[in-house]
Amino acid sequence: MYEGKFPHKRYRLTLEFLKKHVATNASILDLGVENPFTEVMLKNGYKVNNTSGEDLDLDQSAITNSHCDVVTAFEIFEHLLNPFKVLQSIQANQLIISIPMRLWFASAYRSKTDMWDRHYHEFEDWQLDWLLEKTGWKIIDSKKWTNPTKKIGIRPILRWFTPRYYIIYAERH
């Protein structure tokens, strides 16, 4: 589908971060339904299973019953009402999580047509760090990046300089 190219800067940087911290022979549980990035991981040799679209706020059984080495959560925690409970339920000792960061100049994202495509949380970096710490995770590495746009205006200019995405590799012992 992508023939070596990535549709988003985010995919390229996420894959680089994943390759830095997770061996391709590790089994991965990716929180959320199969998506275009699942395909990217599979094409790069990762063994990935996704959750099935269940409401992870109410049902963590897919997480607690998983025997994976690593859990990934790419842009999913902002949709959850209770990420604390989800983080506590993870059985794996390795976690890679990425989030869109809260932007001081934009409201939280809320789709008008899809009730699941809404951001209940848009974290600042320190908030996600604290959440991970409180649930027993130790942050080993992190990275932030911007999400520039070619539109014209004050907000698009601010997107060239303000980090939008935050990714973390964490371990629990």
Protein backbone atom coordinates (compact mmCIF):
# COMPACT_ATOMS: atom_id res chain seq x y z
CA MET A 1 0.00 0.00 0.00
CA TYR A 2 2.75 2.48 0.89
CA GLU A 3 5.57 1.08 -1.26
CA GLY A 4 8.22 2.27 1.16
CA LYS A 5 6.72 5.72 1.59
CA PHE A 6 4.75 6.88 4.57
CA PRO A 7 1.56 8.89 4.30
CA HIS A 8 2.47 10.79 7.45
CA LYS A 9 5.61 12.04 9.15
CA ARG A 10 4.07 10.47 12.26
CA TYR A 11 4.26 6.94 10.75
CA ARG A 12 7.92 7.32 9.84
CA LEU A 13 8.94 8.65 13.26
CA THR A 14 6.78 6.11 15.11
CA LEU A 15 8.35 3.23 13.17
CA GLU A 16 11.87 4.56 13.83
CA PHE A 17 11.08 4.74 17.57
CA LEU A 18 9.56 1.24 17.54
CA LYS A 19 12.61 -0.21 15.77
CA LYS A 20 14.90 1.46 18.31
CA HIS A 21 13.21 -0.26 21.26
CA VAL A 22 11.42 -3.42 20.09
CA ALA A 23 12.92 -6.43 18.32
CA THR A 24 10.91 -7.84 15.43
CA ASN A 25 10.67 -11.23 17.17
CA ALA A 26 8.73 -9.68 20.09
CA SER A 27 4.98 -10.26 20.16
CA ILE A 28 2.96 -7.04 20.21
CA LEU A 29 -0.55 -6.30 21.39
CA ASP A 30 -1.59 -3.05 19.74
CA LEU A 31 -4.48 -1.36 21.54
CA GLY A 32 -7.18 -0.42 19.06
CA VAL A 33 -8.51 -2.05 15.93
CA GLU A 34 -6.34 -2.85 12.92
CA ASN A 35 -5.35 0.36 11.19
CA PRO A 36 -2.91 1.58 8.55
CA PHE A 37 -0.04 1.59 11.05
CA THR A 38 -0.74 -2.07 11.89
CA GLU A 39 0.03 -2.77 8.24
CA VAL A 40 3.27 -0.77 8.51
CA MET A 41 4.36 -2.84 11.53
CA LEU A 42 3.50 -6.13 9.80
CA LYS A 43 5.40 -5.13 6.65
CA ASN A 44 8.42 -4.38 8.83
CA GLY A 45 8.45 -7.88 10.32
CA TYR A 46 6.59 -7.34 13.60
CA LYS A 47 4.13 -9.89 15.02
CA VAL A 48 1.09 -7.78 15.89
CA ASN A 49 -2.35 -8.55 17.27
CA ASN A 50 -4.89 -5.78 17.77
CA THR A 51 -7.72 -5.48 20.23
CA SER A 52 -11.14 -5.93 18.65
CA GLY A 53 -12.78 -2.56 19.13
CA GLU A 54 -14.16 -3.28 22.59
CA ASP A 55 -14.55 -0.32 24.92
CA LEU A 56 -11.26 -0.54 26.84
CA ASP A 57 -12.64 1.72 29.57
CA LEU A 58 -15.16 -1.02 30.43
CA ASP A 59 -13.46 -4.22 29.27
CA GLN A 60 -9.72 -4.82 29.64
CA SER A 61 -9.95 -8.61 29.14
CA ALA A 62 -8.08 -8.48 25.81
CA ILE A 63 -5.22 -6.82 27.68
CA THR A 64 -5.24 -8.95 30.83
CA ASN A 65 -5.52 -12.20 28.81
CA SER A 66 -2.70 -11.28 26.43
CA HIS A 67 0.67 -13.00 26.73
CA CYS A 68 2.50 -10.50 24.53
CA ASP A 69 5.97 -9.08 25.11
CA VAL A 70 5.07 -5.48 24.30
CA VAL A 71 1.91 -3.37 24.32
CA THR A 72 1.65 -0.49 21.88
CA ALA A 73 -0.92 2.27 22.09
CA PHE A 74 -0.62 4.67 19.18
CA GLU A 75 -3.01 7.62 19.55
CA ILE A 76 -5.56 5.70 21.60
CA PHE A 77 -5.23 7.01 25.17
CA GLU A 78 -6.74 10.38 24.32
CA HIS A 79 -10.00 8.55 23.47
CA LEU A 80 -10.23 6.78 26.84
CA LEU A 81 -12.03 8.09 29.88
CA ASN A 82 -9.91 5.96 32.23
CA PRO A 83 -6.40 5.34 30.89
CA PHE A 84 -5.22 4.69 34.47
CA LYS A 85 -7.17 1.43 34.65
CA VAL A 86 -5.99 0.35 31.18
CA LEU A 87 -2.33 1.00 32.05
CA GLN A 88 -2.69 -1.00 35.29
CA SER A 89 -4.17 -3.98 33.42
CA ILE A 90 -1.19 -4.40 31.05
CA GLN A 91 0.62 -7.70 31.71
CA ALA A 92 3.59 -7.04 29.41
CA ASN A 93 6.73 -5.39 30.79
CA GLN A 94 7.28 -3.10 27.81
CA LEU A 95 5.07 -0.31 26.54
CA ILE A 96 5.22 2.13 23.67
CA ILE A 97 2.57 4.81 23.79
CA SER A 98 2.09 7.87 21.61
CA ILE A 99 -0.40 10.66 22.01
CA PRO A 100 -1.35 13.89 20.31
CA MET A 101 -0.36 16.60 22.76
CA ARG A 102 -2.64 19.32 24.03
CA LEU A 103 -2.20 22.46 21.96
CA TRP A 104 -2.73 25.71 23.82
CA PHE A 105 -4.08 27.35 20.66
CA ALA A 106 -6.63 24.69 19.66
CA SER A 107 -9.61 23.01 21.30
CA ALA A 108 -9.63 19.26 21.96
CA TYR A 109 -10.60 17.29 18.87
CA ARG A 110 -14.24 16.23 18.67
CA SER A 111 -15.79 14.62 15.61
CA LYS A 112 -19.35 15.72 14.99
CA THR A 113 -20.24 12.45 13.20
CA ASP A 114 -18.31 9.69 15.01
CA MET A 115 -18.86 9.40 18.76
CA TRP A 116 -15.68 7.29 19.19
CA ASP A 117 -13.49 9.78 17.33
CA ARG A 118 -13.25 12.28 20.16
CA HIS A 119 -10.43 13.26 22.47
CA TYR A 120 -11.44 13.09 26.08
CA HIS A 121 -7.83 13.71 27.13
CA GLU A 122 -5.25 15.79 25.34
CA PHE A 123 -2.24 15.45 27.58
CA GLU A 124 0.67 17.71 28.21
CA ASP A 125 3.88 15.69 28.39
CA TRP A 126 4.14 15.93 32.19
CA GLN A 127 0.58 14.60 32.60
CA LEU A 128 1.28 11.44 30.60
CA ASP A 129 4.61 11.01 32.42
CA TRP A 130 2.82 11.25 35.77
CA LEU A 131 0.09 8.82 34.69
CA LEU A 132 2.73 6.28 33.68
CA GLU A 133 4.67 6.76 36.91
CA LYS A 134 1.52 6.31 39.03
CA THR A 135 0.70 3.04 37.24
CA GLY A 136 4.15 1.55 37.80
CA TRP A 137 5.88 2.33 34.51
CA LYS A 138 9.41 3.73 34.21
CA ILE A 139 10.01 5.94 31.18
CA ILE A 140 13.19 4.88 29.40
CA ASP A 141 12.98 7.08 26.29
CA SER A 142 10.70 9.70 24.77
CA LYS A 143 10.46 11.94 21.75
CA LYS A 144 8.27 14.82 20.56
CA TRP A 145 7.64 16.15 17.09
CA THR A 146 5.62 18.77 15.30
CA ASN A 147 2.87 18.30 12.73
CA PRO A 148 3.33 21.09 10.20
CA THR A 149 0.63 21.91 7.71
CA LYS A 150 0.75 23.78 4.42
CA LYS A 151 -2.32 25.84 5.27
CA ILE A 152 -2.09 29.56 5.85
CA GLY A 153 -2.92 31.23 9.15
CA ILE A 154 -1.75 31.72 12.71
CA ARG A 155 -2.54 28.16 13.89
CA PRO A 156 -0.82 26.50 10.93
CA ILE A 157 2.28 28.61 11.58
CA LEU A 158 2.21 27.62 15.27
CA ARG A 159 2.05 23.93 14.24
CA TRP A 160 5.50 24.31 12.63
CA PHE A 161 7.01 25.10 16.06
CA THR A 162 4.75 23.49 18.67
CA PRO A 163 5.20 19.76 19.33
CA ARG A 164 2.00 17.84 18.55
CA TYR A 165 3.02 14.22 19.13
CA TYR A 166 4.71 12.61 22.12
CA ILE A 167 5.95 9.01 22.15
CA ILE A 168 7.31 7.06 25.12
CA TYR A 169 9.05 3.75 25.63
CA ALA A 170 8.48 2.52 29.20
CA GLU A 171 9.22 -0.63 31.16
CA ARG A 172 7.74 -2.19 34.24
CA HIS A 173 9.69 -4.65 36.40
